[in-house]
């Protein structure tokens, strides 16, 4: 798994945790009265919906990108190997350079 995939997975996991915690907070504070508490719950609910949509979009985009990369690699296996080798060689040269 690449670093980008790991970061994306971590971001999605973090977003899901925030959504879950926010939903729990909304349920816990449902009995709290007052205009400020009501406004805060409404803002949190709106932010929660946006976070859910963003998380869903990120998941869809990640899957779409992975499928496109897989298709490209399967259509051009030798070019993919050559490109990976070249990038690895370049990184190796840059890392070992003094």
N, C-alpha and C. Protein backbone atom coordinates (compact mmCIF):
# COMPACT_ATOMS: atom_id res chain seq x y z
N UNK A 1 0.85 -1.17 0.00
CA UNK A 1 0.00 0.00 0.00
C UNK A 1 0.90 1.23 0.00
N UNK A 2 0.61 2.17 -0.89
CA UNK A 2 1.45 3.35 -1.00
C UNK A 2 1.13 4.34 0.12
N UNK A 3 2.01 5.32 0.25
CA UNK A 3 1.83 6.35 1.27
C UNK A 3 0.56 7.14 1.03
N UNK A 4 0.26 7.42 -0.23
CA UNK A 4 -0.95 8.17 -0.57
C UNK A 4 -2.19 7.38 -0.13
N UNK A 5 -2.18 6.07 -0.41
CA UNK A 5 -3.32 5.24 -0.02
C UNK A 5 -3.44 5.18 1.50
N UNK A 6 -2.31 5.09 2.19
CA UNK A 6 -2.33 5.05 3.65
C UNK A 6 -2.88 6.36 4.21
N UNK A 7 -2.43 7.48 3.65
CA UNK A 7 -2.92 8.78 4.10
C UNK A 7 -4.40 8.94 3.83
N UNK A 8 -4.84 8.49 2.65
CA UNK A 8 -6.26 8.57 2.31
C UNK A 8 -7.08 7.70 3.24
N UNK A 9 -6.60 6.49 3.50
CA UNK A 9 -7.31 5.60 4.44
C UNK A 9 -7.38 6.21 5.82
N UNK A 10 -6.29 6.83 6.27
CA UNK A 10 -6.27 7.46 7.59
C UNK A 10 -7.24 8.64 7.63
N UNK A 11 -7.26 9.43 6.55
CA UNK A 11 -8.17 10.57 6.49
C UNK A 11 -9.62 10.11 6.54
N UNK A 12 -9.94 9.09 5.78
CA UNK A 12 -11.31 8.56 5.78
C UNK A 12 -11.66 8.01 7.15
N UNK A 13 -10.73 7.29 7.76
CA UNK A 13 -10.96 6.75 9.10
C UNK A 13 -11.18 7.88 10.11
N UNK A 14 -10.37 8.92 10.03
CA UNK A 14 -10.52 10.06 10.94
C UNK A 14 -11.85 10.77 10.73
N UNK A 15 -12.24 10.95 9.47
CA UNK A 15 -13.52 11.60 9.19
C UNK A 15 -14.68 10.77 9.73
N UNK A 16 -14.61 9.47 9.55
CA UNK A 16 -15.67 8.61 10.07
C UNK A 16 -15.75 8.68 11.59
N UNK A 17 -14.59 8.76 12.25
CA UNK A 17 -14.56 8.86 13.70
C UNK A 17 -15.17 10.19 14.16
N UNK A 18 -14.84 11.27 13.44
CA UNK A 18 -15.41 12.58 13.78
C UNK A 18 -16.93 12.56 13.59
N UNK A 19 -17.38 11.96 12.51
CA UNK A 19 -18.82 11.86 12.26
C UNK A 19 -19.49 11.07 13.37
N UNK A 20 -18.92 9.94 13.72
CA UNK A 20 -19.49 9.09 14.77
C UNK A 20 -19.53 9.83 16.11
N UNK A 21 -18.43 10.49 16.46
CA UNK A 21 -18.37 11.24 17.71
C UNK A 21 -19.34 12.41 17.71
N UNK A 22 -19.48 13.07 16.58
CA UNK A 22 -20.40 14.20 16.48
C UNK A 22 -21.85 13.75 16.61
N UNK A 23 -22.17 12.62 15.98
CA UNK A 23 -23.53 12.09 16.12
C UNK A 23 -23.82 11.74 17.58
N UNK A 24 -22.85 11.16 18.24
CA UNK A 24 -23.00 10.82 19.66
C UNK A 24 -23.19 12.08 20.50
N UNK A 25 -22.43 13.12 20.20
CA UNK A 25 -22.57 14.39 20.91
C UNK A 25 -23.95 15.00 20.70
N UNK A 26 -24.45 14.93 19.46
CA UNK A 26 -25.79 15.45 19.18
C UNK A 26 -26.85 14.70 19.99
N UNK A 27 -26.71 13.39 20.07
CA UNK A 27 -27.67 12.60 20.84
C UNK A 27 -27.57 12.89 22.32
N UNK A 28 -26.36 13.06 22.82
CA UNK A 28 -26.15 13.31 24.24
C UNK A 28 -26.70 14.66 24.65
N UNK A 29 -26.57 15.66 23.80
CA UNK A 29 -26.99 17.02 24.15
C UNK A 29 -28.42 17.32 23.71
N UNK A 30 -29.16 16.33 23.28
CA UNK A 30 -30.52 16.55 22.79
C UNK A 30 -31.41 17.14 23.88
N UNK A 31 -31.17 16.81 25.13
CA UNK A 31 -32.01 17.31 26.22
C UNK A 31 -31.62 18.68 26.72
N UNK A 32 -30.50 19.21 26.25
CA UNK A 32 -30.04 20.52 26.70
C UNK A 32 -30.90 21.60 26.06
N UNK A 33 -31.42 22.49 26.89
CA UNK A 33 -32.27 23.56 26.38
C UNK A 33 -31.50 24.86 26.30
N UNK A 34 -32.02 25.75 25.54
CA UNK A 34 -31.39 27.05 25.40
C UNK A 34 -31.13 27.35 23.95
N UNK A 35 -31.20 28.61 23.62
CA UNK A 35 -31.02 29.05 22.24
C UNK A 35 -29.61 28.75 21.73
N UNK A 36 -28.60 29.00 22.55
CA UNK A 36 -27.22 28.76 22.12
C UNK A 36 -26.97 27.28 21.88
N UNK A 37 -27.49 26.43 22.77
CA UNK A 37 -27.31 24.99 22.59
C UNK A 37 -28.02 24.52 21.33
N UNK A 38 -29.20 25.05 21.08
CA UNK A 38 -29.95 24.68 19.87
C UNK A 38 -29.19 25.11 18.61
N UNK A 39 -28.68 26.33 18.61
CA UNK A 39 -27.91 26.83 17.47
C UNK A 39 -26.64 26.00 17.25
N UNK A 40 -25.98 25.67 18.34
CA UNK A 40 -24.75 24.87 18.24
C UNK A 40 -25.05 23.49 17.66
N UNK A 41 -26.15 22.87 18.10
CA UNK A 41 -26.52 21.55 17.56
C UNK A 41 -26.86 21.65 16.08
N UNK A 42 -27.52 22.72 15.67
CA UNK A 42 -27.85 22.89 14.25
C UNK A 42 -26.59 23.06 13.41
N UNK A 43 -25.65 23.87 13.90
CA UNK A 43 -24.39 24.05 13.16
C UNK A 43 -23.60 22.74 13.09
N UNK A 44 -23.58 22.01 14.20
CA UNK A 44 -22.88 20.73 14.22
C UNK A 44 -23.53 19.74 13.26
N UNK A 45 -24.85 19.72 13.24
CA UNK A 45 -25.56 18.81 12.33
C UNK A 45 -25.24 19.16 10.87
N UNK A 46 -25.20 20.45 10.56
CA UNK A 46 -24.88 20.87 9.19
C UNK A 46 -23.44 20.49 8.83
N UNK A 47 -22.52 20.73 9.75
CA UNK A 47 -21.12 20.37 9.52
C UNK A 47 -20.96 18.87 9.37
N UNK A 48 -21.74 18.14 10.13
CA UNK A 48 -21.71 16.67 10.08
C UNK A 48 -22.15 16.17 8.71
N UNK A 49 -23.20 16.75 8.17
CA UNK A 49 -23.66 16.35 6.83
C UNK A 49 -22.60 16.65 5.77
N UNK A 50 -21.95 17.79 5.88
CA UNK A 50 -20.88 18.14 4.93
C UNK A 50 -19.73 17.14 5.05
N UNK A 51 -19.36 16.78 6.29
CA UNK A 51 -18.27 15.83 6.50
C UNK A 51 -18.62 14.46 5.92
N UNK A 52 -19.86 14.03 6.08
CA UNK A 52 -20.29 12.74 5.52
C UNK A 52 -20.17 12.75 3.99
N UNK A 53 -20.63 13.85 3.37
CA UNK A 53 -20.56 13.96 1.92
C UNK A 53 -19.11 13.98 1.44
N UNK A 54 -18.26 14.72 2.15
CA UNK A 54 -16.85 14.80 1.79
C UNK A 54 -16.19 13.43 1.90
N UNK A 55 -16.47 12.73 2.97
CA UNK A 55 -15.91 11.38 3.17
C UNK A 55 -16.33 10.45 2.04
N UNK A 56 -17.60 10.51 1.68
CA UNK A 56 -18.11 9.67 0.61
C UNK A 56 -17.44 10.01 -0.73
N UNK A 57 -17.26 11.31 -1.00
CA UNK A 57 -16.61 11.73 -2.24
C UNK A 57 -15.16 11.26 -2.29
N UNK A 58 -14.46 11.35 -1.15
CA UNK A 58 -13.06 10.91 -1.09
C UNK A 58 -12.97 9.41 -1.35
N UNK A 59 -13.88 8.64 -0.75
CA UNK A 59 -13.87 7.20 -0.97
C UNK A 59 -14.12 6.88 -2.44
N UNK A 60 -15.11 7.55 -3.05
CA UNK A 60 -15.40 7.30 -4.47
C UNK A 60 -14.22 7.67 -5.35
N UNK A 61 -13.60 8.81 -5.08
CA UNK A 61 -12.46 9.27 -5.89
C UNK A 61 -11.27 8.32 -5.75
N UNK A 62 -11.04 7.82 -4.54
CA UNK A 62 -9.94 6.88 -4.30
C UNK A 62 -10.15 5.59 -5.09
N UNK A 63 -11.36 5.08 -5.05
CA UNK A 63 -11.67 3.85 -5.78
C UNK A 63 -11.54 4.08 -7.28
N UNK A 64 -12.05 5.21 -7.75
CA UNK A 64 -11.97 5.55 -9.17
C UNK A 64 -10.51 5.67 -9.63
N UNK A 65 -9.68 6.32 -8.83
CA UNK A 65 -8.27 6.49 -9.16
C UNK A 65 -7.54 5.15 -9.16
N UNK A 66 -7.83 4.31 -8.19
CA UNK A 66 -7.19 2.99 -8.12
C UNK A 66 -7.56 2.14 -9.34
N UNK A 67 -8.82 2.20 -9.74
CA UNK A 67 -9.25 1.44 -10.93
C UNK A 67 -8.57 1.96 -12.19
N UNK A 68 -8.46 3.29 -12.30
CA UNK A 68 -7.79 3.87 -13.48
C UNK A 68 -6.32 3.48 -13.52
N UNK A 69 -5.66 3.50 -12.37
CA UNK A 69 -4.24 3.12 -12.32
C UNK A 69 -4.08 1.64 -12.68
N UNK A 70 -4.96 0.80 -12.16
CA UNK A 70 -4.90 -0.63 -12.46
C UNK A 70 -5.09 -0.88 -13.95
N UNK A 71 -6.05 -0.18 -14.54
CA UNK A 71 -6.32 -0.34 -15.97
C UNK A 71 -5.11 0.09 -16.80
N UNK A 72 -4.52 1.22 -16.44
CA UNK A 72 -3.35 1.72 -17.18
C UNK A 72 -2.17 0.76 -17.07
N UNK A 73 -1.95 0.25 -15.87
CA UNK A 73 -0.84 -0.69 -15.67
C UNK A 73 -1.07 -1.97 -16.45
N UNK A 74 -2.30 -2.46 -16.47
CA UNK A 74 -2.60 -3.69 -17.22
C UNK A 74 -2.48 -3.47 -18.73
N UNK A 75 -2.82 -2.28 -19.21
CA UNK A 75 -2.72 -1.99 -20.64
C UNK A 75 -1.28 -1.75 -21.09
N UNK A 76 -0.44 -1.24 -20.19
CA UNK A 76 0.95 -0.90 -20.52
C UNK A 76 1.90 -1.45 -19.44
N UNK A 77 2.02 -2.78 -19.35
CA UNK A 77 2.83 -3.33 -18.25
C UNK A 77 4.32 -3.00 -18.36
N UNK A 78 4.89 -3.07 -19.55
CA UNK A 78 6.33 -2.83 -19.68
C UNK A 78 6.68 -1.36 -19.47
N UNK A 79 5.84 -0.48 -19.96
CA UNK A 79 6.07 0.94 -19.75
C UNK A 79 5.95 1.27 -18.26
N UNK A 80 5.00 0.63 -17.58
CA UNK A 80 4.82 0.86 -16.14
C UNK A 80 6.04 0.40 -15.35
N UNK A 81 6.57 -0.76 -15.72
CA UNK A 81 7.76 -1.27 -15.05
C UNK A 81 8.94 -0.32 -15.30
N UNK A 82 9.09 0.12 -16.55
CA UNK A 82 10.18 1.05 -16.88
C UNK A 82 10.05 2.36 -16.14
N UNK A 83 8.85 2.89 -16.06
CA UNK A 83 8.62 4.14 -15.36
C UNK A 83 8.91 3.98 -13.86
N UNK A 84 8.45 2.89 -13.27
CA UNK A 84 8.71 2.65 -11.85
C UNK A 84 10.21 2.51 -11.60
N UNK A 85 10.90 1.80 -12.50
CA UNK A 85 12.35 1.66 -12.36
C UNK A 85 13.04 3.00 -12.45
N UNK A 86 12.65 3.81 -13.43
CA UNK A 86 13.26 5.13 -13.61
C UNK A 86 13.04 6.05 -12.42
N UNK A 87 11.84 6.06 -11.90
CA UNK A 87 11.54 6.89 -10.72
C UNK A 87 12.33 6.39 -9.51
N UNK A 88 12.40 5.07 -9.34
CA UNK A 88 13.18 4.51 -8.24
C UNK A 88 14.65 4.85 -8.36
N UNK A 89 15.17 4.79 -9.57
CA UNK A 89 16.57 5.13 -9.81
C UNK A 89 16.82 6.61 -9.50
N UNK A 90 15.93 7.48 -9.95
CA UNK A 90 16.06 8.91 -9.69
C UNK A 90 16.02 9.21 -8.19
N UNK A 91 15.08 8.60 -7.50
CA UNK A 91 14.99 8.79 -6.04
C UNK A 91 16.25 8.28 -5.36
N UNK A 92 16.74 7.13 -5.80
CA UNK A 92 17.97 6.58 -5.24
C UNK A 92 19.15 7.49 -5.43
N UNK A 93 19.29 8.06 -6.60
CA UNK A 93 20.38 8.99 -6.89
C UNK A 93 20.26 10.24 -6.02
N UNK A 94 19.06 10.78 -5.92
CA UNK A 94 18.84 11.98 -5.11
C UNK A 94 19.09 11.75 -3.63
N UNK A 95 18.71 10.59 -3.13
CA UNK A 95 18.87 10.28 -1.71
C UNK A 95 20.34 10.06 -1.36
N UNK A 96 21.08 9.42 -2.25
CA UNK A 96 22.48 9.11 -1.95
C UNK A 96 23.44 10.25 -2.29
N UNK A 97 22.92 11.27 -2.95
CA UNK A 97 23.76 12.41 -3.32
C UNK A 97 24.18 13.20 -2.10
N UNK A 98 25.42 13.64 -2.10
CA UNK A 98 25.92 14.40 -0.94
C UNK A 98 25.92 15.86 -1.19
